Amino acid sequence: MRQPIGIGRSLCVLGLAIVLALPGLASAAAPVAAANAAAVSEPGMSMVTFNLHHDREDWPSRRRTIVAELKRLQPDAIALQEVIQKRNVRNQAQWLASQLGYRYVFVSTDPVGAPKRYGNALLTRRPILARGEHLLLPLDDYRTVAHLRIDVDGKPVNVYATHLNERSDDTGQRIRRSQVEDLLRFIDGSAAGAPVVIAGDFNALVDAGDLSELRSHYGDSYGSVHVNTDLAGVSTLNRHYYQAPSRIDHIFFQQDEMVAREAKILFDQPDDGGRWASDHYGVWTRLQFAPAN
C-alpha cells in the first residue's frame, strides 16, 4: 500500500538522519547517496509502448484514463499500435498528442484521405531531428514502421514503433521472421549512427525464434531490469481478456549505447468504473546513455 507523499518524504528524511547519526554508518551512507544522486542525474530518456485496441469499448472513456497516466509519466517518446481514424473518430494519436502537448507521426498503409486509416504512431515531447516510415515485407501483411530521430538533451536517439503479424501458427512465425529482417534493414539505413530504441506489439515472446535476429542486436528493457524475476508470469496481454500470461509488447534498446534502469507494466488495473484502458497493458521503461569509455 502506498504511503501519502508527505509521510513518505518525512520518513525518508528521518531514516536518512538516523543512518547518518549512527556511528560507523555515516561513511557507508555517503557513497550510497552519492551513487543514487548520480544515477538520477544520468542523462537518458523514458519510453512507453501501448496497443490502443483502436476505438473499441468506449474509446471516449478509455482515453481519459490513458491520457491521465501519460501526463503523469511524461515519457520522452510513446509508441502506439492499433491507432485508428475514421468518421466520427479523430485520429487517436493526434488526439493524444494534442492533450499531451506532444508532436506525433502516424503511419498507415491506408492512403491519406481514405475514410478509414489504421496503423502505428510515435509521439514525442522532444525536438524531432528526422522522421521516416516503412512498409514491412511481406507487403500483403500491411505492417508498418514509424521512425523518429529525437534530440534528448543534445544527443540524437532513434525511436521506432511497429506491430508485427498476429498469427500464432508456423505461417505467422515465418512472417514475423521476415518482418524482423526487414525492420533491421530499415534501421540500418535510417539510424545514421545514433542509438536505437524499438518499441511495439511484436506478437511474440522475447525468446521466440522469430525474434532471435532482433535479440541478437538489441536488449529487452523489461527483462534487463527484472532479470531476477520469474518473467513467465508477466503479461502484456490483459488477463481480463486473455487467459494465459503472454509478454508480447516490448521496448528493445541498443545495449552498447544505452542501459535500462527501470521498467514497469502500465494500465494493468481497471478504472473506478471497472473499465480497462485496452485489451493490452502498456510498458514503460527508463533508459540512460551508457558511460563513455
C-alpha atoms as a PDB file:
ATOM      1  CA  MET A   1       0.000   0.000   0.000  1.00  0.00           C
ATOM      2  CA  ARG A   2       1.382   3.407  -0.940  1.00  0.00           C
ATOM      3  CA  GLN A   3       2.021   5.950   1.791  1.00  0.00           C
ATOM      4  CA  PRO A   4       0.823   9.554   1.402  1.00  0.00           C
ATOM      5  CA  ILE A   5       3.537  11.571  -0.300  1.00  0.00           C
ATOM      6  CA  GLY A   6       4.138  13.867   2.649  1.00  0.00           C
ATOM      7  CA  ILE A   7       4.506  10.982   5.105  1.00  0.00           C
ATOM      8  CA  GLY A   8       6.802   9.076   2.754  1.00  0.00           C
ATOM      9  CA  ARG A   9       9.092  12.055   2.353  1.00  0.00           C
ATOM     10  CA  SER A  10       9.179  12.672   6.099  1.00  0.00           C
ATOM     11  CA  LEU A  11      10.074   9.049   6.789  1.00  0.00           C
ATOM     12  CA  CYS A  12      12.799   9.150   4.147  1.00  0.00           C
ATOM     13  CA  VAL A  13      14.335  12.260   5.711  1.00  0.00           C
ATOM     14  CA  LEU A  14      14.033  10.803   9.220  1.00  0.00           C
ATOM     15  CA  GLY A  15      15.522   7.498   8.081  1.00  0.00           C
ATOM     16  CA  LEU A  16      18.474   9.236   6.481  1.00  0.00           C
ATOM     17  CA  ALA A  17      19.026  11.314   9.600  1.00  0.00           C
ATOM     18  CA  ILE A  18      19.047   8.160  11.748  1.00  0.00           C
ATOM     19  CA  VAL A  19      21.506   6.434   9.425  1.00  0.00           C
ATOM     20  CA  LEU A  20      23.848   9.390   9.420  1.00  0.00           C
ATOM     21  CA  ALA A  21      23.620   9.726  13.201  1.00  0.00           C
ATOM     22  CA  LEU A  22      24.606   6.123  13.901  1.00  0.00           C
ATOM     23  CA  PRO A  23      28.337   5.585  14.431  1.00  0.00           C
ATOM     24  CA  GLY A  24      30.025   3.713  11.618  1.00  0.00           C
ATOM     25  CA  LEU A  25      27.145   4.116   9.178  1.00  0.00           C
ATOM     26  CA  ALA A  26      27.690   7.676   8.059  1.00  0.00           C
ATOM     27  CA  SER A  27      30.687   6.742   5.919  1.00  0.00           C
ATOM     28  CA  ALA A  28      28.721   3.907   4.298  1.00  0.00           C
ATOM     29  CA  ALA A  29      25.647   6.038   3.660  1.00  0.00           C
ATOM     30  CA  ALA A  30      27.500   8.847   1.888  1.00  0.00           C
ATOM     31  CA  PRO A  31      28.728   6.780  -1.116  1.00  0.00           C
ATOM     32  CA  VAL A  32      25.273   5.204  -1.495  1.00  0.00           C
ATOM     33  CA  ALA A  33      23.580   8.601  -1.501  1.00  0.00           C
ATOM     34  CA  ALA A  34      26.125   9.915  -3.976  1.00  0.00           C
ATOM     35  CA  ALA A  35      25.612   6.902  -6.257  1.00  0.00           C
ATOM     36  CA  ASN A  36      21.839   7.331  -6.148  1.00  0.00           C
ATOM     37  CA  ALA A  37      22.130  11.026  -6.958  1.00  0.00           C
ATOM     38  CA  ALA A  38      24.434  10.236  -9.877  1.00  0.00           C
ATOM     39  CA  ALA A  39      22.018   7.620 -11.224  1.00  0.00           C
ATOM     40  CA  VAL A  40      19.119  10.093 -11.155  1.00  0.00           C
ATOM     41  CA  SER A  41      21.166  12.792 -12.887  1.00  0.00           C
ATOM     42  CA  GLU A  42      22.458  10.485 -15.640  1.00  0.00           C
ATOM     43  CA  PRO A  43      21.098  11.739 -18.973  1.00  0.00           C
ATOM     44  CA  GLY A  44      18.685   9.475 -20.780  1.00  0.00           C
ATOM     45  CA  MET A  45      15.078   9.035 -21.828  1.00  0.00           C
ATOM     46  CA  SER A  46      11.867   7.248 -20.965  1.00  0.00           C
ATOM     47  CA  MET A  47       9.512   5.500 -23.369  1.00  0.00           C
ATOM     48  CA  VAL A  48       6.074   3.881 -23.389  1.00  0.00           C
ATOM     49  CA  THR A  49       4.622   1.346 -25.790  1.00  0.00           C
ATOM     50  CA  PHE A  50       0.883   0.682 -25.816  1.00  0.00           C
ATOM     51  CA  ASN A  51      -1.623  -1.072 -28.057  1.00  0.00           C
ATOM     52  CA  LEU A  52      -4.712   1.163 -28.093  1.00  0.00           C
ATOM     53  CA  HIS A  53      -7.245  -1.515 -29.174  1.00  0.00           C
ATOM     54  CA  HIS A  54      -8.409   1.130 -31.696  1.00  0.00           C
ATOM     55  CA  ASP A  55     -11.850   2.579 -30.795  1.00  0.00           C
ATOM     56  CA  ARG A  56     -13.462  -0.468 -29.251  1.00  0.00           C
ATOM     57  CA  GLU A  57     -15.202  -0.470 -25.862  1.00  0.00           C
ATOM     58  CA  ASP A  58     -15.977   3.198 -25.265  1.00  0.00           C
ATOM     59  CA  TRP A  59     -12.866   4.984 -26.520  1.00  0.00           C
ATOM     60  CA  PRO A  60     -14.022   8.400 -25.162  1.00  0.00           C
ATOM     61  CA  SER A  61     -13.967   6.952 -21.636  1.00  0.00           C
ATOM     62  CA  ARG A  62     -10.811   4.864 -22.064  1.00  0.00           C
ATOM     63  CA  ARG A  63      -8.807   7.744 -23.434  1.00  0.00           C
ATOM     64  CA  ARG A  64      -9.301   9.785 -20.263  1.00  0.00           C
ATOM     65  CA  THR A  65      -7.523   7.081 -18.264  1.00  0.00           C
ATOM     66  CA  ILE A  66      -4.766   6.801 -20.866  1.00  0.00           C
ATOM     67  CA  VAL A  67      -4.041  10.499 -21.131  1.00  0.00           C
ATOM     68  CA  ALA A  68      -4.059  10.960 -17.349  1.00  0.00           C
ATOM     69  CA  GLU A  69      -1.380   8.297 -16.885  1.00  0.00           C
ATOM     70  CA  LEU A  70       0.725   9.592 -19.767  1.00  0.00           C
ATOM     71  CA  LYS A  71       0.546  13.119 -18.365  1.00  0.00           C
ATOM     72  CA  ARG A  72       1.759  11.776 -15.035  1.00  0.00           C
ATOM     73  CA  LEU A  73       4.672   9.871 -16.589  1.00  0.00           C
ATOM     74  CA  GLN A  74       5.611  12.443 -19.263  1.00  0.00           C
ATOM     75  CA  PRO A  75       7.650   9.937 -21.293  1.00  0.00           C
ATOM     76  CA  ASP A  76      10.040  11.288 -23.889  1.00  0.00           C
ATOM     77  CA  ALA A  77       8.527   9.046 -26.559  1.00  0.00           C
ATOM     78  CA  ILE A  78       5.371   6.955 -26.933  1.00  0.00           C
ATOM     79  CA  ALA A  79       4.843   4.119 -29.410  1.00  0.00           C
ATOM     80  CA  LEU A  80       1.214   3.328 -30.212  1.00  0.00           C
ATOM     81  CA  GLN A  81      -0.292   0.423 -32.111  1.00  0.00           C
ATOM     82  CA  GLU A  82      -3.804  -0.148 -33.467  1.00  0.00           C
ATOM     83  CA  VAL A  83      -4.299   3.560 -33.968  1.00  0.00           C
ATOM     84  CA  ILE A  84      -7.420   4.396 -35.941  1.00  0.00           C
ATOM     85  CA  GLN A  85      -9.070   7.378 -37.538  1.00  0.00           C
ATOM     86  CA  LYS A  86     -12.428   7.236 -39.251  1.00  0.00           C
ATOM     87  CA  ARG A  87     -15.688   9.088 -39.488  1.00  0.00           C
ATOM     88  CA  ASN A  88     -16.590  10.441 -36.035  1.00  0.00           C
ATOM     89  CA  VAL A  89     -13.269   9.220 -34.575  1.00  0.00           C
ATOM     90  CA  ARG A  90     -10.421  11.723 -34.667  1.00  0.00           C
ATOM     91  CA  ASN A  91      -7.021  10.151 -35.246  1.00  0.00           C
ATOM     92  CA  GLN A  92      -6.223   8.710 -31.830  1.00  0.00           C
ATOM     93  CA  ALA A  93      -2.535   9.603 -31.950  1.00  0.00           C
ATOM     94  CA  GLN A  94      -3.394  13.142 -32.987  1.00  0.00           C
ATOM     95  CA  TRP A  95      -5.872  13.493 -30.129  1.00  0.00           C
ATOM     96  CA  LEU A  96      -3.442  12.140 -27.521  1.00  0.00           C
ATOM     97  CA  ALA A  97      -0.657  14.379 -28.845  1.00  0.00           C
ATOM     98  CA  SER A  98      -2.943  17.416 -28.604  1.00  0.00           C
ATOM     99  CA  GLN A  99      -3.783  16.605 -24.979  1.00  0.00           C
ATOM    100  CA  LEU A 100      -0.153  15.985 -24.018  1.00  0.00           C
ATOM    101  CA  GLY A 101       1.412  18.829 -25.974  1.00  0.00           C
ATOM    102  CA  TYR A 102       3.482  16.319 -27.976  1.00  0.00           C
ATOM    103  CA  ARG A 103       4.356  16.060 -31.668  1.00  0.00           C
ATOM    104  CA  TYR A 104       3.408  12.910 -33.497  1.00  0.00           C
ATOM    105  CA  VAL A 105       3.840  10.883 -36.648  1.00  0.00           C
ATOM    106  CA  PHE A 106       1.184   8.429 -37.836  1.00  0.00           C
ATOM    107  CA  VAL A 107       1.954   5.682 -40.348  1.00  0.00           C
ATOM    108  CA  SER A 108      -0.672   3.683 -42.232  1.00  0.00           C
ATOM    109  CA  THR A 109      -0.940   1.672 -45.416  1.00  0.00           C
ATOM    110  CA  ASP A 110      -4.296   3.380 -45.959  1.00  0.00           C
ATOM    111  CA  PRO A 111      -3.892   6.413 -48.230  1.00  0.00           C
ATOM    112  CA  VAL A 112      -4.235   9.945 -46.914  1.00  0.00           C
ATOM    113  CA  GLY A 113      -7.845  10.991 -47.320  1.00  0.00           C
ATOM    114  CA  ALA A 114      -9.241   7.469 -47.032  1.00  0.00           C
ATOM    115  CA  PRO A 115     -12.440   7.270 -44.947  1.00  0.00           C
ATOM    116  CA  LYS A 116     -10.672   4.925 -42.527  1.00  0.00           C
ATOM    117  CA  ARG A 117      -6.957   4.778 -41.675  1.00  0.00           C
ATOM    118  CA  TYR A 118      -5.313   2.298 -39.322  1.00  0.00           C
ATOM    119  CA  GLY A 119      -1.692   1.979 -38.253  1.00  0.00           C
ATOM    120  CA  ASN A 120       1.100   2.844 -35.826  1.00  0.00           C
ATOM    121  CA  ALA A 121       2.252   6.119 -34.328  1.00  0.00           C
ATOM    122  CA  LEU A 122       5.072   7.756 -32.424  1.00  0.00           C
ATOM    123  CA  LEU A 123       4.610  10.700 -30.086  1.00  0.00           C
ATOM    124  CA  THR A 124       7.381  12.764 -28.522  1.00  0.00           C
ATOM    125  CA  ARG A 125       7.882  15.810 -26.343  1.00  0.00           C
ATOM    126  CA  ARG A 126      11.445  16.176 -27.633  1.00  0.00           C
ATOM    127  CA  PRO A 127      12.606  18.110 -30.722  1.00  0.00           C
ATOM    128  CA  ILE A 128      12.361  15.996 -33.885  1.00  0.00           C
ATOM    129  CA  LEU A 129      15.554  15.759 -35.947  1.00  0.00           C
ATOM    130  CA  ALA A 130      14.339  13.328 -38.615  1.00  0.00           C
ATOM    131  CA  ARG A 131      11.327  11.195 -39.402  1.00  0.00           C
ATOM    132  CA  GLY A 132      10.502   8.284 -41.650  1.00  0.00           C
ATOM    133  CA  GLU A 133       8.232   5.360 -42.304  1.00  0.00           C
ATOM    134  CA  HIS A 134       8.463   1.950 -43.893  1.00  0.00           C
ATOM    135  CA  LEU A 135       6.116  -0.771 -45.117  1.00  0.00           C
ATOM    136  CA  LEU A 136       7.396  -4.123 -43.896  1.00  0.00           C
ATOM    137  CA  LEU A 137       7.812  -7.206 -46.047  1.00  0.00           C
ATOM    138  CA  PRO A 138       5.778  -9.184 -46.930  1.00  0.00           C
ATOM    139  CA  LEU A 139       3.771  -6.300 -48.344  1.00  0.00           C
ATOM    140  CA  ASP A 140       0.467  -8.179 -48.282  1.00  0.00           C
ATOM    141  CA  ASP A 141       0.517  -8.189 -44.456  1.00  0.00           C
ATOM    142  CA  TYR A 142       0.133  -4.381 -44.321  1.00  0.00           C
ATOM    143  CA  ARG A 143       2.550  -3.859 -41.422  1.00  0.00           C
ATOM    144  CA  THR A 144       4.440  -0.612 -40.928  1.00  0.00           C
ATOM    145  CA  VAL A 145       7.272   1.018 -39.011  1.00  0.00           C
ATOM    146  CA  ALA A 146       7.232   4.624 -37.798  1.00  0.00           C
ATOM    147  CA  HIS A 147      10.582   6.334 -37.150  1.00  0.00           C
ATOM    148  CA  LEU A 148      11.625   9.490 -35.365  1.00  0.00           C
ATOM    149  CA  ARG A 149      15.096  10.714 -34.517  1.00  0.00           C
ATOM    150  CA  ILE A 150      14.724  12.934 -31.470  1.00  0.00           C
ATOM    151  CA  ASP A 151      17.008  15.245 -29.539  1.00  0.00           C
ATOM    152  CA  VAL A 152      17.438  14.001 -25.975  1.00  0.00           C
ATOM    153  CA  ASP A 153      19.345  16.712 -24.121  1.00  0.00           C
ATOM    154  CA  GLY A 154      21.621  17.324 -27.084  1.00  0.00           C
ATOM    155  CA  LYS A 155      22.015  13.681 -28.093  1.00  0.00           C
ATOM    156  CA  PRO A 156      20.196  12.150 -31.077  1.00  0.00           C
ATOM    157  CA  VAL A 157      18.212   8.948 -30.434  1.00  0.00           C
ATOM    158  CA  ASN A 158      16.284   6.913 -32.991  1.00  0.00           C
ATOM    159  CA  VAL A 159      12.919   5.560 -31.865  1.00  0.00           C
ATOM    160  CA  TYR A 160      10.926   3.077 -33.934  1.00  0.00           C
ATOM    161  CA  ALA A 161       7.362   1.799 -33.489  1.00  0.00           C
ATOM    162  CA  THR A 162       5.956  -1.316 -35.125  1.00  0.00           C
ATOM    163  CA  HIS A 163       3.321  -4.044 -34.888  1.00  0.00           C
ATOM    164  CA  LEU A 164       4.133  -7.497 -36.277  1.00  0.00           C
ATOM    165  CA  ASN A 165       1.909 -10.263 -37.620  1.00  0.00           C
ATOM    166  CA  GLU A 166      -0.507 -11.746 -35.076  1.00  0.00           C
ATOM    167  CA  ARG A 167      -0.802 -15.360 -36.256  1.00  0.00           C
ATOM    168  CA  SER A 168       0.406 -17.994 -33.782  1.00  0.00           C
ATOM    169  CA  ASP A 169       0.979 -20.788 -36.305  1.00  0.00           C
ATOM    170  CA  ASP A 170       4.032 -21.637 -38.408  1.00  0.00           C
ATOM    171  CA  THR A 171       2.970 -19.156 -41.083  1.00  0.00           C
ATOM    172  CA  GLY A 172       2.830 -16.358 -38.521  1.00  0.00           C
ATOM    173  CA  GLN A 173       6.300 -17.225 -37.235  1.00  0.00           C
ATOM    174  CA  ARG A 174       7.677 -17.188 -40.769  1.00  0.00           C
ATOM    175  CA  ILE A 175       6.062 -13.818 -41.489  1.00  0.00           C
ATOM    176  CA  ARG A 176       7.370 -12.263 -38.271  1.00  0.00           C
ATOM    177  CA  ARG A 177      10.862 -13.526 -39.020  1.00  0.00           C
ATOM    178  CA  SER A 178      10.702 -11.840 -42.417  1.00  0.00           C
ATOM    179  CA  GLN A 179       9.354  -8.654 -40.839  1.00  0.00           C
ATOM    180  CA  VAL A 180      12.144  -8.589 -38.272  1.00  0.00           C
ATOM    181  CA  GLU A 181      14.764  -8.951 -41.009  1.00  0.00           C
ATOM    182  CA  ASP A 182      13.186  -6.088 -42.968  1.00  0.00           C
ATOM    183  CA  LEU A 183      12.876  -3.971 -39.822  1.00  0.00           C
ATOM    184  CA  LEU A 184      16.593  -4.373 -39.136  1.00  0.00           C
ATOM    185  CA  ARG A 185      17.439  -3.409 -42.721  1.00  0.00           C
ATOM    186  CA  PHE A 186      15.316  -0.273 -42.379  1.00  0.00           C
ATOM    187  CA  ILE A 187      17.028   0.617 -39.103  1.00  0.00           C
ATOM    188  CA  ASP A 188      20.469   0.109 -40.642  1.00  0.00           C
ATOM    189  CA  GLY A 189      19.551   2.518 -43.422  1.00  0.00           C
ATOM    190  CA  SER A 190      17.934   5.204 -41.276  1.00  0.00           C
ATOM    191  CA  ALA A 191      19.651   5.328 -37.866  1.00  0.00           C
ATOM    192  CA  ALA A 192      22.615   7.423 -39.044  1.00  0.00           C
ATOM    193  CA  GLY A 193      24.845   6.110 -36.251  1.00  0.00           C
ATOM    194  CA  ALA A 194      22.629   7.327 -33.387  1.00  0.00           C
ATOM    195  CA  PRO A 195      21.388   4.998 -30.604  1.00  0.00           C
ATOM    196  CA  VAL A 196      18.300   2.908 -31.390  1.00  0.00           C
ATOM    197  CA  VAL A 197      15.162   2.104 -29.364  1.00  0.00           C
ATOM    198  CA  ILE A 198      12.470  -0.142 -30.890  1.00  0.00           C
ATOM    199  CA  ALA A 199       9.019  -0.476 -29.342  1.00  0.00           C
ATOM    200  CA  GLY A 200       5.766  -2.123 -30.217  1.00  0.00           C
ATOM    201  CA  ASP A 201       3.462  -5.101 -30.218  1.00  0.00           C
ATOM    202  CA  PHE A 202       5.614  -7.916 -31.584  1.00  0.00           C
ATOM    203  CA  ASN A 203       3.017 -10.651 -31.089  1.00  0.00           C
ATOM    204  CA  ALA A 204       5.833 -12.887 -29.846  1.00  0.00           C
ATOM    205  CA  LEU A 205       7.620 -13.659 -26.618  1.00  0.00           C
ATOM    206  CA  VAL A 206      11.098 -12.214 -26.216  1.00  0.00           C
ATOM    207  CA  ASP A 207      12.771 -15.621 -26.547  1.00  0.00           C
ATOM    208  CA  ALA A 208      10.692 -16.712 -29.563  1.00  0.00           C
ATOM    209  CA  GLY A 209      12.697 -17.888 -32.539  1.00  0.00           C
ATOM    210  CA  ASP A 210      11.091 -15.325 -34.846  1.00  0.00           C
ATOM    211  CA  LEU A 211      12.619 -12.508 -32.748  1.00  0.00           C
ATOM    212  CA  SER A 212      16.063 -14.110 -32.408  1.00  0.00           C
ATOM    213  CA  GLU A 213      17.671 -11.860 -35.031  1.00  0.00           C
ATOM    214  CA  LEU A 214      16.316  -8.782 -33.261  1.00  0.00           C
ATOM    215  CA  ARG A 215      17.510 -10.015 -29.872  1.00  0.00           C
ATOM    216  CA  SER A 216      20.981 -10.634 -31.268  1.00  0.00           C
ATOM    217  CA  HIS A 217      21.263  -6.883 -31.838  1.00  0.00           C
ATOM    218  CA  TYR A 218      19.120  -5.317 -29.105  1.00  0.00           C
ATOM    219  CA  GLY A 219      18.319  -5.854 -25.434  1.00  0.00           C
ATOM    220  CA  ASP A 220      14.904  -6.358 -23.844  1.00  0.00           C
ATOM    221  CA  SER A 221      14.435  -3.427 -21.455  1.00  0.00           C
ATOM    222  CA  TYR A 222      11.877  -5.067 -19.165  1.00  0.00           C
ATOM    223  CA  GLY A 223      13.822  -8.318 -18.972  1.00  0.00           C
ATOM    224  CA  SER A 224      17.088  -6.451 -18.319  1.00  0.00           C
ATOM    225  CA  VAL A 225      15.606  -4.598 -15.355  1.00  0.00           C
ATOM    226  CA  HIS A 226      13.770  -7.604 -13.925  1.00  0.00           C
ATOM    227  CA  VAL A 227      16.497 -10.138 -14.614  1.00  0.00           C
ATOM    228  CA  ASN A 228      15.988 -11.907 -11.272  1.00  0.00           C
ATOM    229  CA  THR A 229      12.206 -12.126 -11.666  1.00  0.00           C
ATOM    230  CA  ASP A 230      10.175 -15.083 -12.913  1.00  0.00           C
ATOM    231  CA  LEU A 231       9.111 -13.458 -16.174  1.00  0.00           C
ATOM    232  CA  ALA A 232       6.961 -16.401 -17.260  1.00  0.00           C
ATOM    233  CA  GLY A 233       4.057 -14.986 -15.279  1.00  0.00           C
ATOM    234  CA  VAL A 234       4.411 -11.422 -16.585  1.00  0.00           C
ATOM    235  CA  SER A 235       1.869 -10.470 -19.234  1.00  0.00           C
ATOM    236  CA  THR A 236       1.232  -7.523 -21.506  1.00  0.00           C
ATOM    237  CA  LEU A 237      -1.964  -9.149 -22.708  1.00  0.00           C
ATOM    238  CA  ASN A 238      -4.742  -8.018 -20.392  1.00  0.00           C
ATOM    239  CA  ARG A 239      -5.635 -11.009 -18.214  1.00  0.00           C
ATOM    240  CA  HIS A 240      -9.242  -9.829 -18.172  1.00  0.00           C
ATOM    241  CA  TYR A 241      -9.395 -10.702 -21.882  1.00  0.00           C
ATOM    242  CA  TYR A 242      -6.747 -13.439 -22.218  1.00  0.00           C
ATOM    243  CA  GLN A 243      -6.399 -16.488 -20.024  1.00  0.00           C
ATOM    244  CA  ALA A 244      -2.675 -17.216 -20.302  1.00  0.00           C
ATOM    245  CA  PRO A 245       0.010 -14.620 -19.470  1.00  0.00           C
ATOM    246  CA  SER A 246       1.975 -13.516 -22.505  1.00  0.00           C
ATOM    247  CA  ARG A 247       4.543 -10.720 -22.672  1.00  0.00           C
ATOM    248  CA  ILE A 248       4.450  -9.710 -26.328  1.00  0.00           C
ATOM    249  CA  ASP A 249       4.778  -5.895 -26.096  1.00  0.00           C
ATOM    250  CA  HIS A 250       8.430  -4.879 -25.863  1.00  0.00           C
ATOM    251  CA  ILE A 251      10.863  -1.973 -25.783  1.00  0.00           C
ATOM    252  CA  PHE A 252      14.244  -3.017 -27.165  1.00  0.00           C
ATOM    253  CA  PHE A 253      17.362  -0.871 -26.855  1.00  0.00           C
ATOM    254  CA  GLN A 254      20.898  -0.726 -28.229  1.00  0.00           C
ATOM    255  CA  GLN A 255      22.952  -2.188 -25.409  1.00  0.00           C
ATOM    256  CA  ASP A 256      26.318  -0.691 -26.350  1.00  0.00           C
ATOM    257  CA  GLU A 257      24.779   2.792 -26.261  1.00  0.00           C
ATOM    258  CA  MET A 258      22.136   2.641 -23.529  1.00  0.00           C
ATOM    259  CA  VAL A 259      21.338   0.961 -20.213  1.00  0.00           C
ATOM    260  CA  ALA A 260      17.856   0.019 -18.957  1.00  0.00           C
ATOM    261  CA  ARG A 261      17.379   1.384 -15.419  1.00  0.00           C
ATOM    262  CA  GLU A 262      13.656   0.982 -14.735  1.00  0.00           C
ATOM    263  CA  ALA A 263      10.718  -0.794 -16.365  1.00  0.00           C
ATOM    264  CA  LYS A 264       7.127  -1.446 -15.365  1.00  0.00           C
ATOM    265  CA  ILE A 265       3.760  -2.555 -16.681  1.00  0.00           C
ATOM    266  CA  LEU A 266       1.101   0.146 -17.196  1.00  0.00           C
ATOM    267  CA  PHE A 267      -2.701   0.108 -17.339  1.00  0.00           C
ATOM    268  CA  ASP A 268      -2.910  -3.246 -15.548  1.00  0.00           C
ATOM    269  CA  GLN A 269      -5.830  -2.154 -13.361  1.00  0.00           C
ATOM    270  CA  PRO A 270      -9.341  -1.033 -14.377  1.00  0.00           C
ATOM    271  CA  ASP A 271     -10.608   2.446 -13.650  1.00  0.00           C
ATOM    272  CA  ASP A 272     -13.120   3.227 -10.898  1.00  0.00           C
ATOM    273  CA  GLY A 273     -15.944   2.142 -13.172  1.00  0.00           C
ATOM    274  CA  GLY A 274     -14.321  -1.201 -13.939  1.00  0.00           C
ATOM    275  CA  ARG A 275     -13.283  -0.175 -17.454  1.00  0.00           C
ATOM    276  CA  TRP A 276      -9.901  -1.245 -18.804  1.00  0.00           C
ATOM    277  CA  ALA A 277      -7.653   1.062 -20.842  1.00  0.00           C
ATOM    278  CA  SER A 278      -7.143  -1.633 -23.501  1.00  0.00           C
ATOM    279  CA  ASP A 279      -7.010  -5.374 -24.092  1.00  0.00           C
ATOM    280  CA  HIS A 280      -3.222  -4.937 -23.684  1.00  0.00           C
ATOM    281  CA  TYR A 281      -1.216  -3.485 -20.843  1.00  0.00           C
ATOM    282  CA  GLY A 282       1.416  -0.886 -21.607  1.00  0.00           C
ATOM    283  CA  VAL A 283       5.155  -0.968 -20.923  1.00  0.00           C
ATOM    284  CA  TRP A 284       7.225   1.942 -19.584  1.00  0.00           C
ATOM    285  CA  THR A 285      10.993   1.993 -19.380  1.00  0.00           C
ATOM    286  CA  ARG A 286      13.698   4.462 -18.418  1.00  0.00           C
ATOM    287  CA  LEU A 287      16.954   4.269 -20.338  1.00  0.00           C
ATOM    288  CA  GLN A 288      20.252   6.019 -19.676  1.00  0.00           C
ATOM    289  CA  PHE A 289      23.103   6.624 -22.047  1.00  0.00           C
ATOM    290  CA  ALA A 290      25.940   4.210 -21.457  1.00  0.00           C
ATOM    291  CA  PRO A 291      29.029   5.787 -19.882  1.00  0.00           C
ATOM    292  CA  ALA A 292      31.675   6.844 -22.375  1.00  0.00           C
ATOM    293  CA  ASN A 293      34.698   4.545 -22.473  1.00  0.00           C
END
